[in-house]
Amino acid sequence: MNAPEIRKALDNLGAAFAADPAKARAKNAPATAKLTEGLQCEVTGPYGARIVTDMPPAMGGAASGPNPGWFLRAALASCTSTAIAMRAARLGIKLEQLELTVESESDARGLLGIGEVSAALGAVRTKVKIRGDAPPEVLRELAQWGDAHSPVGCTLRRMSDCSLDVEVG
């Protein structure tokens, strides 16, 4: 879809949600990970989606795919890019460049259970390169809006309750 088609689709969806807010709520498609070999996992999802994760050799993996933390950063980068692009389409801003890089730091001791160190990723930084047919301050505001409305970004900043159900056997 081009920007005018995206804008029309989003305007139609926005109008439908404004008329009936209950239509905006949905249960998201699950992601199912299965351990396949060593530390390699195959993750499947909707529409035949499939990714493979693995750990580097230093952690006992075979590096047959990116580690799961990379996919978290990829999810944040792509979700925020999408939010920015959607907003740009709604505002009639033509983007000539949009590139997001998400970096983070970690301490592997947390994953290995060594000491009282968190396994959480830390110092998550998103860098945005953006160019379009709007003034720099508008493009900066557009990037900030996308960051503030990215579902992945919002989830990371304000984690909701998580639960764990274990089925043995």
N, C-alpha and C. Protein backbone atom coordinates (compact mmCIF):
# COMPACT_ATOMS: atom_id res chain seq x y z
N MET A 1 0.85 -1.19 0.00
CA MET A 1 0.00 0.00 0.00
C MET A 1 0.88 1.24 0.00
N ASN A 2 0.43 2.25 -0.68
CA ASN A 2 1.14 3.53 -0.64
C ASN A 2 0.55 4.39 0.49
N ALA A 3 1.19 5.52 0.76
CA ALA A 3 0.80 6.36 1.90
C ALA A 3 -0.68 6.77 1.88
N PRO A 4 -1.24 7.21 0.74
CA PRO A 4 -2.67 7.56 0.76
C PRO A 4 -3.58 6.36 1.07
N GLU A 5 -3.20 5.17 0.60
CA GLU A 5 -4.00 3.98 0.90
C GLU A 5 -3.89 3.61 2.38
N ILE A 6 -2.68 3.76 2.92
CA ILE A 6 -2.49 3.50 4.35
C ILE A 6 -3.31 4.48 5.17
N ARG A 7 -3.27 5.75 4.77
CA ARG A 7 -4.04 6.78 5.49
C ARG A 7 -5.53 6.47 5.47
N LYS A 8 -6.04 6.08 4.30
CA LYS A 8 -7.46 5.76 4.18
C LYS A 8 -7.83 4.57 5.06
N ALA A 9 -6.99 3.53 5.04
CA ALA A 9 -7.27 2.35 5.86
C ALA A 9 -7.26 2.72 7.35
N LEU A 10 -6.28 3.51 7.76
CA LEU A 10 -6.19 3.90 9.17
C LEU A 10 -7.33 4.82 9.58
N ASP A 11 -7.72 5.73 8.69
CA ASP A 11 -8.86 6.62 8.99
C ASP A 11 -10.15 5.80 9.14
N ASN A 12 -10.36 4.82 8.25
CA ASN A 12 -11.54 3.96 8.34
C ASN A 12 -11.54 3.16 9.63
N LEU A 13 -10.38 2.60 9.97
CA LEU A 13 -10.27 1.83 11.19
C LEU A 13 -10.49 2.71 12.41
N GLY A 14 -9.89 3.90 12.40
CA GLY A 14 -10.07 4.84 13.51
C GLY A 14 -11.52 5.22 13.71
N ALA A 15 -12.24 5.44 12.61
CA ALA A 15 -13.66 5.79 12.70
C ALA A 15 -14.46 4.62 13.27
N ALA A 16 -14.15 3.41 12.85
CA ALA A 16 -14.86 2.24 13.37
C ALA A 16 -14.60 2.07 14.86
N PHE A 17 -13.36 2.28 15.29
CA PHE A 17 -13.03 2.14 16.71
C PHE A 17 -13.64 3.26 17.54
N ALA A 18 -13.72 4.46 16.98
CA ALA A 18 -14.36 5.58 17.70
C ALA A 18 -15.85 5.31 17.89
N ALA A 19 -16.48 4.70 16.88
CA ALA A 19 -17.90 4.40 16.96
C ALA A 19 -18.18 3.23 17.91
N ASP A 20 -17.26 2.28 17.97
CA ASP A 20 -17.44 1.10 18.83
C ASP A 20 -16.09 0.70 19.41
N PRO A 21 -15.69 1.31 20.55
CA PRO A 21 -14.37 1.05 21.13
C PRO A 21 -14.09 -0.42 21.41
N ALA A 22 -15.12 -1.22 21.64
CA ALA A 22 -14.91 -2.64 21.92
C ALA A 22 -14.25 -3.36 20.73
N LYS A 23 -14.46 -2.83 19.54
CA LYS A 23 -13.85 -3.44 18.35
C LYS A 23 -12.33 -3.31 18.33
N ALA A 24 -11.78 -2.38 19.10
CA ALA A 24 -10.34 -2.15 19.11
C ALA A 24 -9.59 -3.18 19.95
N ARG A 25 -10.31 -3.87 20.82
CA ARG A 25 -9.67 -4.84 21.72
C ARG A 25 -9.60 -6.20 21.02
N ALA A 26 -8.43 -6.83 21.12
CA ALA A 26 -8.26 -8.13 20.48
C ALA A 26 -7.25 -8.97 21.25
N LYS A 27 -7.42 -10.25 21.17
CA LYS A 27 -6.43 -11.17 21.72
C LYS A 27 -5.37 -11.35 20.63
N ASN A 28 -4.10 -11.13 20.98
CA ASN A 28 -3.03 -11.22 20.00
C ASN A 28 -2.70 -12.67 19.68
N ALA A 29 -2.22 -12.89 18.47
CA ALA A 29 -1.82 -14.24 18.05
C ALA A 29 -0.66 -14.72 18.91
N PRO A 30 -0.71 -15.97 19.34
CA PRO A 30 0.38 -16.47 20.18
C PRO A 30 1.63 -16.79 19.37
N ALA A 31 2.74 -16.82 20.05
CA ALA A 31 4.00 -17.31 19.49
C ALA A 31 4.32 -18.58 20.27
N THR A 32 4.63 -19.66 19.57
CA THR A 32 4.91 -20.94 20.22
C THR A 32 6.34 -21.35 19.90
N ALA A 33 7.15 -21.52 20.95
CA ALA A 33 8.54 -21.93 20.78
C ALA A 33 8.69 -23.40 21.16
N LYS A 34 9.38 -24.15 20.31
CA LYS A 34 9.69 -25.55 20.59
C LYS A 34 11.19 -25.73 20.51
N LEU A 35 11.74 -26.34 21.55
CA LEU A 35 13.16 -26.66 21.54
C LEU A 35 13.37 -27.75 20.51
N THR A 36 14.29 -27.52 19.56
CA THR A 36 14.50 -28.49 18.47
C THR A 36 15.78 -29.28 18.64
N GLU A 37 16.87 -28.62 19.02
CA GLU A 37 18.14 -29.30 19.19
C GLU A 37 19.08 -28.38 19.96
N GLY A 38 19.77 -28.94 20.94
CA GLY A 38 20.68 -28.11 21.73
C GLY A 38 19.92 -26.97 22.37
N LEU A 39 20.28 -25.74 22.05
CA LEU A 39 19.57 -24.56 22.55
C LEU A 39 18.76 -23.88 21.45
N GLN A 40 18.64 -24.52 20.31
CA GLN A 40 17.89 -23.96 19.18
C GLN A 40 16.39 -24.14 19.41
N CYS A 41 15.65 -23.07 19.18
CA CYS A 41 14.20 -23.11 19.27
C CYS A 41 13.60 -22.68 17.93
N GLU A 42 12.51 -23.31 17.57
CA GLU A 42 11.73 -22.87 16.41
C GLU A 42 10.47 -22.21 16.96
N VAL A 43 10.24 -21.00 16.55
CA VAL A 43 9.08 -20.25 17.02
C VAL A 43 8.13 -20.08 15.84
N THR A 44 6.87 -20.48 16.05
CA THR A 44 5.87 -20.36 14.99
C THR A 44 4.76 -19.43 15.43
N GLY A 45 4.11 -18.87 14.42
CA GLY A 45 3.03 -17.93 14.69
C GLY A 45 2.03 -17.90 13.55
N PRO A 46 1.28 -16.82 13.44
CA PRO A 46 0.21 -16.74 12.44
C PRO A 46 0.75 -16.63 11.02
N TYR A 47 -0.07 -17.04 10.08
CA TYR A 47 0.24 -16.93 8.64
C TYR A 47 1.52 -17.67 8.26
N GLY A 48 1.81 -18.77 8.95
CA GLY A 48 2.99 -19.55 8.64
C GLY A 48 4.30 -18.93 9.10
N ALA A 49 4.23 -17.94 9.97
CA ALA A 49 5.45 -17.29 10.45
C ALA A 49 6.33 -18.30 11.18
N ARG A 50 7.63 -18.19 10.96
CA ARG A 50 8.59 -19.11 11.58
C ARG A 50 9.91 -18.40 11.76
N ILE A 51 10.45 -18.45 12.97
CA ILE A 51 11.80 -17.94 13.22
C ILE A 51 12.55 -19.00 14.01
N VAL A 52 13.88 -18.92 13.96
CA VAL A 52 14.73 -19.83 14.71
C VAL A 52 15.62 -18.98 15.61
N THR A 53 15.71 -19.37 16.87
CA THR A 53 16.63 -18.72 17.80
C THR A 53 17.66 -19.73 18.25
N ASP A 54 18.79 -19.23 18.65
CA ASP A 54 19.86 -20.08 19.19
C ASP A 54 20.77 -19.18 20.00
N MET A 55 21.63 -19.78 20.73
CA MET A 55 22.61 -19.04 21.53
C MET A 55 23.98 -19.18 20.89
N PRO A 56 24.89 -18.27 21.20
CA PRO A 56 26.24 -18.38 20.65
C PRO A 56 26.98 -19.58 21.26
N PRO A 57 28.03 -20.05 20.58
CA PRO A 57 28.79 -21.19 21.10
C PRO A 57 29.30 -21.00 22.53
N ALA A 58 29.68 -19.79 22.90
CA ALA A 58 30.18 -19.57 24.26
C ALA A 58 29.13 -19.90 25.32
N MET A 59 27.84 -19.86 24.93
CA MET A 59 26.75 -20.17 25.86
C MET A 59 26.22 -21.58 25.65
N GLY A 60 26.87 -22.35 24.78
CA GLY A 60 26.44 -23.73 24.56
C GLY A 60 25.57 -23.93 23.33
N GLY A 61 25.33 -22.86 22.58
CA GLY A 61 24.52 -22.97 21.38
C GLY A 61 25.37 -23.19 20.14
N ALA A 62 24.71 -23.19 19.00
CA ALA A 62 25.40 -23.38 17.72
C ALA A 62 25.33 -22.14 16.84
N ALA A 63 24.74 -21.06 17.34
CA ALA A 63 24.59 -19.82 16.58
C ALA A 63 23.88 -20.06 15.25
N SER A 64 22.88 -20.94 15.25
CA SER A 64 22.12 -21.23 14.03
C SER A 64 21.06 -20.18 13.75
N GLY A 65 20.91 -19.24 14.66
CA GLY A 65 19.97 -18.14 14.50
C GLY A 65 20.29 -17.09 15.55
N PRO A 66 19.69 -15.92 15.43
CA PRO A 66 19.91 -14.88 16.45
C PRO A 66 19.41 -15.34 17.82
N ASN A 67 19.97 -14.76 18.86
CA ASN A 67 19.48 -15.09 20.20
C ASN A 67 18.15 -14.38 20.44
N PRO A 68 17.35 -14.86 21.39
CA PRO A 68 16.03 -14.27 21.62
C PRO A 68 16.06 -12.77 21.93
N GLY A 69 17.10 -12.30 22.62
CA GLY A 69 17.19 -10.86 22.92
C GLY A 69 17.28 -10.02 21.68
N TRP A 70 17.93 -10.54 20.63
CA TRP A 70 18.00 -9.81 19.37
C TRP A 70 16.61 -9.64 18.79
N PHE A 71 15.78 -10.69 18.88
CA PHE A 71 14.42 -10.58 18.36
C PHE A 71 13.60 -9.56 19.15
N LEU A 72 13.87 -9.42 20.43
CA LEU A 72 13.21 -8.38 21.22
C LEU A 72 13.59 -7.00 20.68
N ARG A 73 14.89 -6.80 20.44
CA ARG A 73 15.32 -5.51 19.88
C ARG A 73 14.74 -5.31 18.48
N ALA A 74 14.68 -6.39 17.69
CA ALA A 74 14.10 -6.31 16.35
C ALA A 74 12.61 -5.95 16.42
N ALA A 75 11.92 -6.53 17.39
CA ALA A 75 10.50 -6.22 17.57
C ALA A 75 10.30 -4.75 17.92
N LEU A 76 11.13 -4.23 18.81
CA LEU A 76 11.03 -2.82 19.18
C LEU A 76 11.34 -1.92 17.99
N ALA A 77 12.40 -2.24 17.25
CA ALA A 77 12.78 -1.41 16.10
C ALA A 77 11.69 -1.42 15.04
N SER A 78 11.17 -2.59 14.70
CA SER A 78 10.17 -2.66 13.63
C SER A 78 8.82 -2.11 14.08
N CYS A 79 8.45 -2.33 15.33
CA CYS A 79 7.17 -1.82 15.82
C CYS A 79 7.17 -0.29 15.86
N THR A 80 8.25 0.28 16.34
CA THR A 80 8.35 1.74 16.41
C THR A 80 8.41 2.34 15.01
N SER A 81 9.14 1.69 14.10
CA SER A 81 9.18 2.15 12.70
C SER A 81 7.78 2.15 12.10
N THR A 82 7.04 1.08 12.38
CA THR A 82 5.68 0.98 11.86
C THR A 82 4.78 2.07 12.42
N ALA A 83 4.89 2.34 13.72
CA ALA A 83 4.08 3.39 14.34
C ALA A 83 4.40 4.75 13.72
N ILE A 84 5.68 5.02 13.49
CA ILE A 84 6.09 6.29 12.88
C ILE A 84 5.54 6.39 11.46
N ALA A 85 5.67 5.32 10.69
CA ALA A 85 5.20 5.33 9.30
C ALA A 85 3.68 5.49 9.23
N MET A 86 2.97 4.85 10.13
CA MET A 86 1.51 4.98 10.15
C MET A 86 1.11 6.41 10.47
N ARG A 87 1.76 7.01 11.46
CA ARG A 87 1.45 8.39 11.83
C ARG A 87 1.78 9.35 10.69
N ALA A 88 2.93 9.12 10.05
CA ALA A 88 3.31 9.96 8.91
C ALA A 88 2.26 9.89 7.81
N ALA A 89 1.76 8.70 7.53
CA ALA A 89 0.72 8.55 6.50
C ALA A 89 -0.54 9.30 6.89
N ARG A 90 -0.93 9.22 8.15
CA ARG A 90 -2.14 9.92 8.60
C ARG A 90 -1.98 11.43 8.52
N LEU A 91 -0.74 11.92 8.72
CA LEU A 91 -0.49 13.36 8.68
C LEU A 91 -0.13 13.86 7.28
N GLY A 92 -0.03 12.94 6.33
CA GLY A 92 0.33 13.32 4.97
C GLY A 92 1.80 13.66 4.80
N ILE A 93 2.65 13.14 5.66
CA ILE A 93 4.09 13.38 5.56
C ILE A 93 4.71 12.25 4.76
N LYS A 94 5.44 12.61 3.72
CA LYS A 94 6.13 11.61 2.91
C LYS A 94 7.52 11.39 3.50
N LEU A 95 7.77 10.16 3.91
CA LEU A 95 9.08 9.82 4.47
C LEU A 95 10.01 9.37 3.35
N GLU A 96 11.18 9.95 3.33
CA GLU A 96 12.20 9.57 2.35
C GLU A 96 13.18 8.58 2.98
N GLN A 97 13.34 8.63 4.30
CA GLN A 97 14.20 7.71 5.03
C GLN A 97 13.63 7.49 6.41
N LEU A 98 13.59 6.25 6.83
CA LEU A 98 13.25 5.91 8.20
C LEU A 98 14.03 4.65 8.56
N GLU A 99 14.94 4.81 9.50
CA GLU A 99 15.77 3.69 9.92
C GLU A 99 15.92 3.76 11.44
N LEU A 100 15.59 2.68 12.11
CA LEU A 100 15.72 2.61 13.55
C LEU A 100 16.71 1.52 13.94
N THR A 101 17.55 1.83 14.88
CA THR A 101 18.50 0.87 15.44
C THR A 101 18.25 0.81 16.93
N VAL A 102 18.07 -0.40 17.45
CA VAL A 102 17.86 -0.59 18.88
C VAL A 102 19.05 -1.34 19.44
N GLU A 103 19.66 -0.76 20.46
CA GLU A 103 20.82 -1.35 21.12
C GLU A 103 20.44 -1.63 22.58
N SER A 104 21.15 -2.55 23.20
CA SER A 104 20.97 -2.79 24.63
C SER A 104 22.25 -3.36 25.19
N GLU A 105 22.28 -3.47 26.50
CA GLU A 105 23.40 -4.09 27.21
C GLU A 105 22.84 -5.19 28.08
N SER A 106 23.68 -6.14 28.43
CA SER A 106 23.24 -7.21 29.32
C SER A 106 24.42 -7.72 30.13
N ASP A 107 24.10 -8.46 31.15
CA ASP A 107 25.11 -9.11 31.99
C ASP A 107 24.74 -10.59 32.02
N ALA A 108 25.53 -11.41 31.34
CA ALA A 108 25.22 -12.84 31.18
C ALA A 108 25.17 -13.59 32.50
N ARG A 109 25.70 -13.01 33.57
CA ARG A 109 25.62 -13.69 34.87
C ARG A 109 24.17 -13.90 35.28
N GLY A 110 23.27 -12.98 34.91
CA GLY A 110 21.87 -13.14 35.27
C GLY A 110 21.26 -14.37 34.62
N LEU A 111 21.53 -14.59 33.34
CA LEU A 111 21.01 -15.75 32.63
C LEU A 111 21.58 -17.04 33.21
N LEU A 112 22.82 -17.00 33.67
CA LEU A 112 23.46 -18.19 34.23
C LEU A 112 23.17 -18.40 35.72
N GLY A 113 22.49 -17.44 36.34
CA GLY A 113 22.16 -17.56 37.75
C GLY A 113 23.34 -17.35 38.67
N ILE A 114 24.28 -16.55 38.23
CA ILE A 114 25.47 -16.28 39.03
C ILE A 114 25.28 -14.97 39.78
N GLY A 115 25.22 -15.04 41.10
CA GLY A 115 25.05 -13.84 41.90
C GLY A 115 23.65 -13.26 41.81
N GLU A 116 23.51 -12.10 42.34
CA GLU A 116 22.22 -11.39 42.36
C GLU A 116 22.16 -10.39 41.21
N VAL A 117 22.39 -10.87 40.00
CA VAL A 117 22.41 -10.03 38.82
C VAL A 117 21.16 -10.31 38.00
N SER A 118 20.48 -9.27 37.55
CA SER A 118 19.28 -9.43 36.73
C SER A 118 19.65 -9.94 35.33
N ALA A 119 18.80 -10.79 34.79
CA ALA A 119 18.98 -11.26 33.42
C ALA A 119 18.37 -10.28 32.42
N ALA A 120 17.71 -9.24 32.92
CA ALA A 120 17.03 -8.28 32.04
C ALA A 120 18.03 -7.52 31.17
N LEU A 121 17.60 -7.20 29.97
CA LEU A 121 18.38 -6.30 29.14
C LEU A 121 18.32 -4.91 29.76
N GLY A 122 19.41 -4.19 29.67
CA GLY A 122 19.44 -2.85 30.23
C GLY A 122 19.95 -1.85 29.22
N ALA A 123 19.85 -0.60 29.57
CA ALA A 123 20.33 0.50 28.73
C ALA A 123 19.84 0.35 27.29
N VAL A 124 18.54 0.14 27.13
CA VAL A 124 17.95 0.02 25.79
C VAL A 124 17.90 1.40 25.17
N ARG A 125 18.50 1.52 23.98
CA ARG A 125 18.56 2.79 23.27
C ARG A 125 18.02 2.61 21.85
N THR A 126 17.14 3.51 21.46
CA THR A 126 16.62 3.52 20.09
C THR A 126 17.16 4.75 19.38
N LYS A 127 17.77 4.52 18.25
CA LYS A 127 18.30 5.61 17.44
C LYS A 127 17.49 5.67 16.16
N VAL A 128 17.02 6.87 15.82
CA VAL A 128 16.16 7.07 14.66
C VAL A 128 16.86 7.97 13.65
N LYS A 129 16.89 7.51 12.39
CA LYS A 129 17.31 8.35 11.27
C LYS A 129 16.05 8.57 10.45
N ILE A 130 15.67 9.84 10.29
CA ILE A 130 14.43 10.14 9.61
C ILE A 130 14.61 11.35 8.69
N ARG A 131 14.03 11.26 7.52
CA ARG A 131 14.06 12.36 6.56
C ARG A 131 12.74 12.32 5.80
N GLY A 132 12.16 13.48 5.56
CA GLY A 132 10.89 13.54 4.85
C GLY A 132 10.57 14.96 4.45
N ASP A 133 9.36 15.13 3.92
CA ASP A 133 8.95 16.44 3.41
C ASP A 133 8.29 17.31 4.48
N ALA A 134 8.84 17.28 5.68
CA ALA A 134 8.34 18.11 6.78
C ALA A 134 9.55 18.75 7.46
N PRO A 135 9.34 19.84 8.18
CA PRO A 135 10.45 20.49 8.89
C PRO A 135 11.06 19.55 9.93
N PRO A 136 12.34 19.76 10.25
CA PRO A 136 13.02 18.89 11.22
C PRO A 136 12.28 18.73 12.55
N GLU A 137 11.69 19.80 13.06
CA GLU A 137 11.00 19.70 14.35
C GLU A 137 9.76 18.81 14.24
N VAL A 138 9.10 18.83 13.09
CA VAL A 138 7.93 17.97 12.88
C VAL A 138 8.37 16.51 12.77
N LEU A 139 9.47 16.25 12.08
CA LEU A 139 9.99 14.89 11.96
C LEU A 139 10.44 14.37 13.33
N ARG A 140 11.04 15.23 14.14
CA ARG A 140 11.45 14.84 15.49
C ARG A 140 10.22 14.49 16.33
N GLU A 141 9.18 15.33 16.25
CA GLU A 141 7.93 15.05 16.97
C GLU A 141 7.29 13.76 16.48
N LEU A 142 7.37 13.51 15.18
CA LEU A 142 6.82 12.29 14.59
C LEU A 142 7.53 11.07 15.18
N ALA A 143 8.85 11.12 15.25
CA ALA A 143 9.62 10.01 15.83
C ALA A 143 9.27 9.81 17.30
N GLN A 144 9.11 10.91 18.05
CA GLN A 144 8.76 10.82 19.47
C GLN A 144 7.35 10.24 19.64
N TRP A 145 6.44 10.63 18.74
CA TRP A 145 5.07 10.09 18.79
C TRP A 145 5.11 8.59 18.55
N GLY A 146 5.86 8.16 17.55
CA GLY A 146 5.96 6.73 17.26
C GLY A 146 6.53 5.96 18.42
N ASP A 147 7.54 6.52 19.08
CA ASP A 147 8.13 5.87 20.25
C ASP A 147 7.10 5.75 21.37
N ALA A 148 6.32 6.78 21.57
CA ALA A 148 5.32 6.79 22.64
C ALA A 148 4.12 5.90 22.36
N HIS A 149 3.89 5.53 21.08
CA HIS A 149 2.71 4.75 20.71
C HIS A 149 3.04 3.36 20.16
N SER A 150 4.29 2.99 20.16
CA SER A 150 4.68 1.65 19.73
C SER A 150 4.22 0.64 20.78
N PRO A 151 3.37 -0.32 20.42
CA PRO A 151 2.93 -1.30 21.42
C PRO A 151 4.09 -2.06 22.08
N VAL A 152 5.12 -2.39 21.33
CA VAL A 152 6.26 -3.09 21.93
C VAL A 152 6.99 -2.15 22.89
N GLY A 153 7.22 -0.92 22.47
CA GLY A 153 7.88 0.06 23.34
C GLY A 153 7.08 0.33 24.60
N CYS A 154 5.78 0.51 24.43
CA CYS A 154 4.92 0.76 25.60
C CYS A 154 4.94 -0.43 26.56
N THR A 155 4.95 -1.63 26.02
CA THR A 155 4.99 -2.82 26.85
C THR A 155 6.29 -2.89 27.63
N LEU A 156 7.40 -2.60 26.97
CA LEU A 156 8.70 -2.65 27.66
C LEU A 156 8.80 -1.60 28.76
N ARG A 157 8.22 -0.43 28.51
CA ARG A 157 8.29 0.65 29.50
C ARG A 157 7.31 0.44 30.66
N ARG A 158 6.20 -0.22 30.39
CA ARG A 158 5.18 -0.41 31.41
C ARG A 158 4.66 -1.84 31.34
N MET A 159 5.47 -2.73 31.78
CA MET A 159 5.15 -4.14 31.68
C MET A 159 3.89 -4.47 32.46
N SER A 160 2.95 -5.13 31.79
CA SER A 160 1.74 -5.56 32.47
C SER A 160 2.00 -6.92 33.14
N ASP A 161 1.02 -7.37 33.85
CA ASP A 161 1.18 -8.64 34.55
C ASP A 161 1.50 -9.76 33.58
N CYS A 162 2.46 -10.58 33.95
CA CYS A 162 2.80 -11.77 33.19
C CYS A 162 2.50 -12.97 34.07
N SER A 163 2.06 -14.05 33.47
CA SER A 163 1.79 -15.24 34.24
C SER A 163 2.51 -16.42 33.59
N LEU A 164 2.64 -17.49 34.33
CA LEU A 164 3.28 -18.70 33.87
C LEU A 164 2.41 -19.88 34.22
N ASP A 165 1.99 -20.65 33.24
CA ASP A 165 1.24 -21.88 33.46
C ASP A 165 2.14 -23.02 33.03
N VAL A 166 2.37 -23.98 33.89
CA VAL A 166 3.26 -25.10 33.59
C VAL A 166 2.46 -26.38 33.53
N GLU A 167 2.61 -27.10 32.41
CA GLU A 167 1.97 -28.40 32.22
C GLU A 167 3.09 -29.44 32.15
N VAL A 168 3.15 -30.32 33.09
CA VAL A 168 4.19 -31.34 33.14
C VAL A 168 3.62 -32.67 32.66
N GLY A 169 4.38 -33.33 31.79
CA GLY A 169 3.98 -34.66 31.33
C GLY A 169 3.27 -34.57 30.09
